Every structure is written in structure tokens, then in C-alpha cells.
Amino acid sequence: MLRGNQLSAEEAKQIGLVTDVFNKKDFKKKVQEFADLMSKRPPVAIHAIKTAVLDGMDTTLRNGMSVELEQSVPLL
């Protein structure tokens, strides 16, 4: 980011920055497929994942791991 290097879509996918790369004409179809997949996941698990990411990203690694553990344990 500091150097300002730009990645191609394929490079971004290779390093895990984006989940998928597809043509513009496939956008609505791909988004719907993703939404359908997410709608089949347990809502409590999705909420725990979002909470762990959002609450854990702006803190120390130790605290972030603690947040993740707090969110994971109730799901066991």
C-alpha cells in the first residue's frame, strides 16, 4: 500500500485479497450464488465470525485471539 503498487484481479485472488474474480456480465449471478450460500449457514456462526473480525482487527494479536476464542467457544 505504501508503494502504491496495483494488483491485477488475478493477483488479488492468488494472495487471498479477494474471494473470486469473474466477468461483469456474471456479477448478479455470482452475488446471488454467494448470498444463497451464506443464507444456508447458521446465523449465529456468521454473527460470531463478523464480531471476531470487526472486534479483533484494531487490537493486539493477543486480544484479537481472545475475541476469536470468546466467539468460537459458544459454537462448540
PDB file of N, CA and C in Angstrom:
ATOM      1  N   MET A   1       0.821  -1.188   0.000  1.00  0.00           N
ATOM      2  CA  MET A   1       0.000   0.000   0.000  1.00  0.00           C
ATOM      3  C   MET A   1       0.865   1.250   0.000  1.00  0.00           C
ATOM      4  N   LEU A   2       1.945   1.237   0.743  1.00  0.00           N
ATOM      5  CA  LEU A   2       2.797   2.424   0.816  1.00  0.00           C
ATOM      6  C   LEU A   2       3.489   2.704  -0.509  1.00  0.00           C
ATOM      7  N   ARG A   3       3.805   1.670  -1.245  1.00  0.00           N
ATOM      8  CA  ARG A   3       4.478   1.859  -2.531  1.00  0.00           C
ATOM      9  C   ARG A   3       3.490   2.179  -3.641  1.00  0.00           C
ATOM     10  N   GLY A   4       2.224   1.907  -3.432  1.00  0.00           N
ATOM     11  CA  GLY A   4       1.226   2.214  -4.441  1.00  0.00           C
ATOM     12  C   GLY A   4       1.159   1.219  -5.577  1.00  0.00           C
ATOM     13  N   ASN A   5       1.720   0.033  -5.382  1.00  0.00           N
ATOM     14  CA  ASN A   5       1.655  -0.987  -6.437  1.00  0.00           C
ATOM     15  C   ASN A   5       0.214  -1.465  -6.598  1.00  0.00           C
ATOM     16  N   GLN A   6      -0.192  -1.623  -7.834  1.00  0.00           N
ATOM     17  CA  GLN A   6      -1.537  -2.110  -8.105  1.00  0.00           C
ATOM     18  C   GLN A   6      -1.467  -3.578  -8.478  1.00  0.00           C
ATOM     19  N   LEU A   7      -2.467  -4.313  -8.037  1.00  0.00           N
ATOM     20  CA  LEU A   7      -2.560  -5.733  -8.354  1.00  0.00           C
ATOM     21  C   LEU A   7      -3.619  -5.948  -9.420  1.00  0.00           C
ATOM     22  N   SER A   8      -3.390  -6.951 -10.236  1.00  0.00           N
ATOM     23  CA  SER A   8      -4.456  -7.353 -11.159  1.00  0.00           C
ATOM     24  C   SER A   8      -5.487  -8.121 -10.343  1.00  0.00           C
ATOM     25  N   ALA A   9      -6.639  -8.330 -10.923  1.00  0.00           N
ATOM     26  CA  ALA A   9      -7.676  -9.093 -10.233  1.00  0.00           C
ATOM     27  C   ALA A   9      -7.184 -10.499  -9.915  1.00  0.00           C
ATOM     28  N   GLU A  10      -6.504 -11.126 -10.835  1.00  0.00           N
ATOM     29  CA  GLU A  10      -5.987 -12.483 -10.626  1.00  0.00           C
ATOM     30  C   GLU A  10      -4.943 -12.513  -9.504  1.00  0.00           C
ATOM     31  N   GLU A  11      -4.073 -11.500  -9.461  1.00  0.00           N
ATOM     32  CA  GLU A  11      -3.072 -11.437  -8.384  1.00  0.00           C
ATOM     33  C   GLU A  11      -3.752 -11.275  -7.028  1.00  0.00           C
ATOM     34  N   ALA A  12      -4.781 -10.441  -6.980  1.00  0.00           N
ATOM     35  CA  ALA A  12      -5.520 -10.240  -5.736  1.00  0.00           C
ATOM     36  C   ALA A  12      -6.160 -11.547  -5.270  1.00  0.00           C
ATOM     37  N   LYS A  13      -6.666 -12.318  -6.210  1.00  0.00           N
ATOM     38  CA  LYS A  13      -7.259 -13.613  -5.860  1.00  0.00           C
ATOM     39  C   LYS A  13      -6.184 -14.583  -5.376  1.00  0.00           C
ATOM     40  N   GLN A  14      -5.051 -14.605  -6.034  1.00  0.00           N
ATOM     41  CA  GLN A  14      -3.968 -15.521  -5.668  1.00  0.00           C
ATOM     42  C   GLN A  14      -3.490 -15.304  -4.233  1.00  0.00           C
ATOM     43  N   ILE A  15      -3.444 -14.068  -3.786  1.00  0.00           N
ATOM     44  CA  ILE A  15      -2.935 -13.799  -2.433  1.00  0.00           C
ATOM     45  C   ILE A  15      -4.045 -13.748  -1.387  1.00  0.00           C
ATOM     46  N   GLY A  16      -5.280 -14.035  -1.814  1.00  0.00           N
ATOM     47  CA  GLY A  16      -6.387 -14.097  -0.864  1.00  0.00           C
ATOM     48  C   GLY A  16      -7.018 -12.765  -0.525  1.00  0.00           C
ATOM     49  N   LEU A  17      -6.722 -11.734  -1.285  1.00  0.00           N
ATOM     50  CA  LEU A  17      -7.306 -10.420  -1.032  1.00  0.00           C
ATOM     51  C   LEU A  17      -8.764 -10.368  -1.461  1.00  0.00           C
ATOM     52  N   VAL A  18      -9.096 -11.110  -2.499  1.00  0.00           N
ATOM     53  CA  VAL A  18     -10.488 -11.232  -2.949  1.00  0.00           C
ATOM     54  C   VAL A  18     -10.833 -12.716  -3.049  1.00  0.00           C
ATOM     55  N   THR A  19     -12.102 -13.019  -2.941  1.00  0.00           N
ATOM     56  CA  THR A  19     -12.565 -14.396  -2.956  1.00  0.00           C
ATOM     57  C   THR A  19     -12.672 -14.952  -4.365  1.00  0.00           C
ATOM     58  N   ASP A  20     -13.125 -14.119  -5.300  1.00  0.00           N
ATOM     59  CA  ASP A  20     -13.355 -14.614  -6.652  1.00  0.00           C
ATOM     60  C   ASP A  20     -13.173 -13.489  -7.651  1.00  0.00           C
ATOM     61  N   VAL A  21     -12.945 -13.869  -8.877  1.00  0.00           N
ATOM     62  CA  VAL A  21     -12.818 -12.933  -9.991  1.00  0.00           C
ATOM     63  C   VAL A  21     -13.720 -13.464 -11.107  1.00  0.00           C
ATOM     64  N   PHE A  22     -14.536 -12.576 -11.670  1.00  0.00           N
ATOM     65  CA  PHE A  22     -15.448 -13.001 -12.727  1.00  0.00           C
ATOM     66  C   PHE A  22     -15.778 -11.818 -13.619  1.00  0.00           C
ATOM     67  N   ASN A  23     -16.379 -12.120 -14.758  1.00  0.00           N
ATOM     68  CA  ASN A  23     -16.760 -11.091 -15.720  1.00  0.00           C
ATOM     69  C   ASN A  23     -17.915 -10.245 -15.183  1.00  0.00           C
ATOM     70  N   LYS A  24     -17.975  -9.009 -15.636  1.00  0.00           N
ATOM     71  CA  LYS A  24     -19.032  -8.091 -15.217  1.00  0.00           C
ATOM     72  C   LYS A  24     -20.415  -8.660 -15.513  1.00  0.00           C
ATOM     73  N   LYS A  25     -20.556  -9.349 -16.630  1.00  0.00           N
ATOM     74  CA  LYS A  25     -21.863  -9.898 -17.002  1.00  0.00           C
ATOM     75  C   LYS A  25     -22.333 -10.974 -16.025  1.00  0.00           C
ATOM     76  N   ASP A  26     -21.408 -11.576 -15.271  1.00  0.00           N
ATOM     77  CA  ASP A  26     -21.748 -12.619 -14.303  1.00  0.00           C
ATOM     78  C   ASP A  26     -21.964 -12.087 -12.891  1.00  0.00           C
ATOM     79  N   PHE A  27     -21.865 -10.771 -12.719  1.00  0.00           N
ATOM     80  CA  PHE A  27     -21.895 -10.174 -11.373  1.00  0.00           C
ATOM     81  C   PHE A  27     -23.140 -10.567 -10.574  1.00  0.00           C
ATOM     82  N   LYS A  28     -24.319 -10.301 -11.112  1.00  0.00           N
ATOM     83  CA  LYS A  28     -25.552 -10.582 -10.365  1.00  0.00           C
ATOM     84  C   LYS A  28     -25.678 -12.065 -10.029  1.00  0.00           C
ATOM     85  N   LYS A  29     -25.344 -12.918 -10.980  1.00  0.00           N
ATOM     86  CA  LYS A  29     -25.418 -14.366 -10.764  1.00  0.00           C
ATOM     87  C   LYS A  29     -24.470 -14.790  -9.636  1.00  0.00           C
ATOM     88  N   LYS A  30     -23.246 -14.300  -9.670  1.00  0.00           N
ATOM     89  CA  LYS A  30     -22.248 -14.676  -8.662  1.00  0.00           C
ATOM     90  C   LYS A  30     -22.625 -14.153  -7.281  1.00  0.00           C
ATOM     91  N   VAL A  31     -23.129 -12.927  -7.225  1.00  0.00           N
ATOM     92  CA  VAL A  31     -23.555 -12.363  -5.939  1.00  0.00           C
ATOM     93  C   VAL A  31     -24.726 -13.161  -5.382  1.00  0.00           C
ATOM     94  N   GLN A  32     -25.662 -13.539  -6.238  1.00  0.00           N
ATOM     95  CA  GLN A  32     -26.801 -14.337  -5.783  1.00  0.00           C
ATOM     96  C   GLN A  32     -26.346 -15.706  -5.281  1.00  0.00           C
ATOM     97  N   GLU A  33     -25.407 -16.323  -5.972  1.00  0.00           N
ATOM     98  CA  GLU A  33     -24.869 -17.616  -5.530  1.00  0.00           C
ATOM     99  C   GLU A  33     -24.235 -17.492  -4.149  1.00  0.00           C
ATOM    100  N   PHE A  34     -23.467 -16.421  -3.944  1.00  0.00           N
ATOM    101  CA  PHE A  34     -22.829 -16.198  -2.648  1.00  0.00           C
ATOM    102  C   PHE A  34     -23.880 -15.959  -1.566  1.00  0.00           C
ATOM    103  N   ALA A  35     -24.880 -15.150  -1.877  1.00  0.00           N
ATOM    104  CA  ALA A  35     -25.952 -14.870  -0.907  1.00  0.00           C
ATOM    105  C   ALA A  35     -26.710 -16.145  -0.555  1.00  0.00           C
ATOM    106  N   ASP A  36     -26.960 -16.977  -1.549  1.00  0.00           N
ATOM    107  CA  ASP A  36     -27.642 -18.253  -1.295  1.00  0.00           C
ATOM    108  C   ASP A  36     -26.808 -19.139  -0.380  1.00  0.00           C
ATOM    109  N   LEU A  37     -25.521 -19.186  -0.615  1.00  0.00           N
ATOM    110  CA  LEU A  37     -24.625 -19.980   0.227  1.00  0.00           C
ATOM    111  C   LEU A  37     -24.622 -19.456   1.663  1.00  0.00           C
ATOM    112  N   MET A  38     -24.503 -18.154   1.825  1.00  0.00           N
ATOM    113  CA  MET A  38     -24.461 -17.558   3.168  1.00  0.00           C
ATOM    114  C   MET A  38     -25.784 -17.743   3.904  1.00  0.00           C
ATOM    115  N   SER A  39     -26.884 -17.757   3.159  1.00  0.00           N
ATOM    116  CA  SER A  39     -28.194 -17.902   3.803  1.00  0.00           C
ATOM    117  C   SER A  39     -28.397 -19.305   4.372  1.00  0.00           C
ATOM    118  N   LYS A  40     -27.579 -20.246   3.942  1.00  0.00           N
ATOM    119  CA  LYS A  40     -27.677 -21.619   4.447  1.00  0.00           C
ATOM    120  C   LYS A  40     -26.779 -21.855   5.661  1.00  0.00           C
ATOM    121  N   ARG A  41     -25.943 -20.901   5.980  1.00  0.00           N
ATOM    122  CA  ARG A  41     -25.050 -21.022   7.127  1.00  0.00           C
ATOM    123  C   ARG A  41     -25.813 -20.661   8.394  1.00  0.00           C
ATOM    124  N   PRO A  42     -25.421 -21.237   9.534  1.00  0.00           N
ATOM    125  CA  PRO A  42     -26.087 -20.884  10.793  1.00  0.00           C
ATOM    126  C   PRO A  42     -25.870 -19.393  11.114  1.00  0.00           C
ATOM    127  N   PRO A  43     -26.941 -18.641  11.298  1.00  0.00           N
ATOM    128  CA  PRO A  43     -26.801 -17.211  11.577  1.00  0.00           C
ATOM    129  C   PRO A  43     -25.908 -16.907  12.777  1.00  0.00           C
ATOM    130  N   VAL A  44     -25.957 -17.745  13.800  1.00  0.00           N
ATOM    131  CA  VAL A  44     -25.128 -17.497  14.982  1.00  0.00           C
ATOM    132  C   VAL A  44     -23.640 -17.609  14.636  1.00  0.00           C
ATOM    133  N   ALA A  45     -23.291 -18.511  13.729  1.00  0.00           N
ATOM    134  CA  ALA A  45     -21.896 -18.659  13.311  1.00  0.00           C
ATOM    135  C   ALA A  45     -21.445 -17.465  12.476  1.00  0.00           C
ATOM    136  N   ILE A  46     -22.302 -17.015  11.568  1.00  0.00           N
ATOM    137  CA  ILE A  46     -21.975 -15.835  10.755  1.00  0.00           C
ATOM    138  C   ILE A  46     -21.767 -14.620  11.653  1.00  0.00           C
ATOM    139  N   HIS A  47     -22.642 -14.454  12.627  1.00  0.00           N
ATOM    140  CA  HIS A  47     -22.521 -13.333  13.560  1.00  0.00           C
ATOM    141  C   HIS A  47     -21.212 -13.425  14.345  1.00  0.00           C
ATOM    142  N   ALA A  48     -20.860 -14.609  14.800  1.00  0.00           N
ATOM    143  CA  ALA A  48     -19.628 -14.795  15.562  1.00  0.00           C
ATOM    144  C   ALA A  48     -18.405 -14.456  14.714  1.00  0.00           C
ATOM    145  N   ILE A  49     -18.414 -14.866  13.469  1.00  0.00           N
ATOM    146  CA  ILE A  49     -17.295 -14.570  12.572  1.00  0.00           C
ATOM    147  C   ILE A  49     -17.165 -13.066  12.359  1.00  0.00           C
ATOM    148  N   LYS A  50     -18.285 -12.411  12.059  1.00  0.00           N
ATOM    149  CA  LYS A  50     -18.253 -10.958  11.846  1.00  0.00           C
ATOM    150  C   LYS A  50     -17.779 -10.228  13.093  1.00  0.00           C
ATOM    151  N   THR A  51     -18.263 -10.633  14.251  1.00  0.00           N
ATOM    152  CA  THR A  51     -17.864  -9.994  15.509  1.00  0.00           C
ATOM    153  C   THR A  51     -16.380 -10.185  15.756  1.00  0.00           C
ATOM    154  N   ALA A  52     -15.881 -11.404  15.552  1.00  0.00           N
ATOM    155  CA  ALA A  52     -14.461 -11.671  15.771  1.00  0.00           C
ATOM    156  C   ALA A  52     -13.589 -10.819  14.854  1.00  0.00           C
ATOM    157  N   VAL A  53     -13.989 -10.696  13.601  1.00  0.00           N
ATOM    158  CA  VAL A  53     -13.208  -9.896  12.654  1.00  0.00           C
ATOM    159  C   VAL A  53     -13.256  -8.422  13.028  1.00  0.00           C
ATOM    160  N   LEU A  54     -14.459  -7.897  13.225  1.00  0.00           N
ATOM    161  CA  LEU A  54     -14.596  -6.461  13.499  1.00  0.00           C
ATOM    162  C   LEU A  54     -13.988  -6.056  14.843  1.00  0.00           C
ATOM    163  N   ASP A  55     -14.222  -6.852  15.880  1.00  0.00           N
ATOM    164  CA  ASP A  55     -13.702  -6.510  17.206  1.00  0.00           C
ATOM    165  C   ASP A  55     -12.226  -6.841  17.350  1.00  0.00           C
ATOM    166  N   GLY A  56     -11.731  -7.756  16.544  1.00  0.00           N
ATOM    167  CA  GLY A  56     -10.348  -8.182  16.696  1.00  0.00           C
ATOM    168  C   GLY A  56      -9.349  -7.495  15.793  1.00  0.00           C
ATOM    169  N   MET A  57      -9.813  -6.739  14.816  1.00  0.00           N
ATOM    170  CA  MET A  57      -8.869  -6.196  13.843  1.00  0.00           C
ATOM    171  C   MET A  57      -8.074  -4.987  14.332  1.00  0.00           C
ATOM    172  N   ASP A  58      -8.617  -4.200  15.213  1.00  0.00           N
ATOM    173  CA  ASP A  58      -7.922  -2.990  15.656  1.00  0.00           C
ATOM    174  C   ASP A  58      -7.389  -3.142  17.068  1.00  0.00           C
ATOM    175  N   THR A  59      -6.732  -4.244  17.311  1.00  0.00           N
ATOM    176  CA  THR A  59      -6.206  -4.505  18.644  1.00  0.00           C
ATOM    177  C   THR A  59      -4.933  -5.327  18.516  1.00  0.00           C
ATOM    178  N   THR A  60      -4.402  -5.748  19.640  1.00  0.00           N
ATOM    179  CA  THR A  60      -3.206  -6.583  19.612  1.00  0.00           C
ATOM    180  C   THR A  60      -3.567  -7.991  19.153  1.00  0.00           C
ATOM    181  N   LEU A  61      -2.565  -8.730  18.731  1.00  0.00           N
ATOM    182  CA  LEU A  61      -2.800 -10.105  18.325  1.00  0.00           C
ATOM    183  C   LEU A  61      -3.370 -10.908  19.493  1.00  0.00           C
ATOM    184  N   ARG A  62      -2.817 -10.699  20.662  1.00  0.00           N
ATOM    185  CA  ARG A  62      -3.273 -11.433  21.852  1.00  0.00           C
ATOM    186  C   ARG A  62      -4.758 -11.163  22.124  1.00  0.00           C
ATOM    187  N   ASN A  63      -5.144  -9.898  22.096  1.00  0.00           N
ATOM    188  CA  ASN A  63      -6.539  -9.550  22.341  1.00  0.00           C
ATOM    189  C   ASN A  63      -7.431 -10.042  21.207  1.00  0.00           C
ATOM    190  N   GLY A  64      -6.952  -9.959  19.972  1.00  0.00           N
ATOM    191  CA  GLY A  64      -7.719 -10.445  18.829  1.00  0.00           C
ATOM    192  C   GLY A  64      -7.981 -11.944  18.935  1.00  0.00           C
ATOM    193  N   MET A  65      -6.978 -12.689  19.377  1.00  0.00           N
ATOM    194  CA  MET A  65      -7.156 -14.137  19.563  1.00  0.00           C
ATOM    195  C   MET A  65      -8.152 -14.405  20.689  1.00  0.00           C
ATOM    196  N   SER A  66      -8.143 -13.571  21.702  1.00  0.00           N
ATOM    197  CA  SER A  66      -9.090 -13.706  22.807  1.00  0.00           C
ATOM    198  C   SER A  66     -10.522 -13.470  22.315  1.00  0.00           C
ATOM    199  N   VAL A  67     -10.702 -12.447  21.493  1.00  0.00           N
ATOM    200  CA  VAL A  67     -12.024 -12.162  20.918  1.00  0.00           C
ATOM    201  C   VAL A  67     -12.483 -13.358  20.085  1.00  0.00           C
ATOM    202  N   GLU A  68     -11.593 -13.905  19.271  1.00  0.00           N
ATOM    203  CA  GLU A  68     -11.956 -15.047  18.430  1.00  0.00           C
ATOM    204  C   GLU A  68     -12.358 -16.238  19.310  1.00  0.00           C
ATOM    205  N   LEU A  69     -11.610 -16.480  20.367  1.00  0.00           N
ATOM    206  CA  LEU A  69     -11.934 -17.588  21.271  1.00  0.00           C
ATOM    207  C   LEU A  69     -13.286 -17.375  21.931  1.00  0.00           C
ATOM    208  N   GLU A  70     -13.545 -16.149  22.381  1.00  0.00           N
ATOM    209  CA  GLU A  70     -14.832 -15.836  23.014  1.00  0.00           C
ATOM    210  C   GLU A  70     -15.997 -16.093  22.063  1.00  0.00           C
ATOM    211  N   GLN A  71     -15.791 -15.819  20.786  1.00  0.00           N
ATOM    212  CA  GLN A  71     -16.848 -16.034  19.803  1.00  0.00           C
ATOM    213  C   GLN A  71     -16.979 -17.494  19.405  1.00  0.00           C
ATOM    214  N   SER A  72     -15.886 -18.236  19.449  1.00  0.00           N
ATOM    215  CA  SER A  72     -15.879 -19.625  18.985  1.00  0.00           C
ATOM    216  C   SER A  72     -16.443 -20.605  20.013  1.00  0.00           C
ATOM    217  N   VAL A  73     -16.114 -20.422  21.276  1.00  0.00           N
ATOM    218  CA  VAL A  73     -16.485 -21.375  22.308  1.00  0.00           C
ATOM    219  C   VAL A  73     -18.000 -21.642  22.364  1.00  0.00           C
ATOM    220  N   PRO A  74     -18.835 -20.624  22.305  1.00  0.00           N
ATOM    221  CA  PRO A  74     -20.283 -20.909  22.360  1.00  0.00           C
ATOM    222  C   PRO A  74     -20.797 -21.730  21.172  1.00  0.00           C
ATOM    223  N   LEU A  75     -20.035 -21.785  20.100  1.00  0.00           N
ATOM    224  CA  LEU A  75     -20.475 -22.509  18.908  1.00  0.00           C
ATOM    225  C   LEU A  75     -20.155 -23.997  18.968  1.00  0.00           C
ATOM    226  N   LEU A  76     -19.356 -24.393  19.950  1.00  0.00           N
ATOM    227  CA  LEU A  76     -18.953 -25.804  20.040  1.00  0.00           C
ATOM    228  C   LEU A  76     -20.066 -26.699  20.502  1.00  0.00           C
TER     229      LEU A  76
END
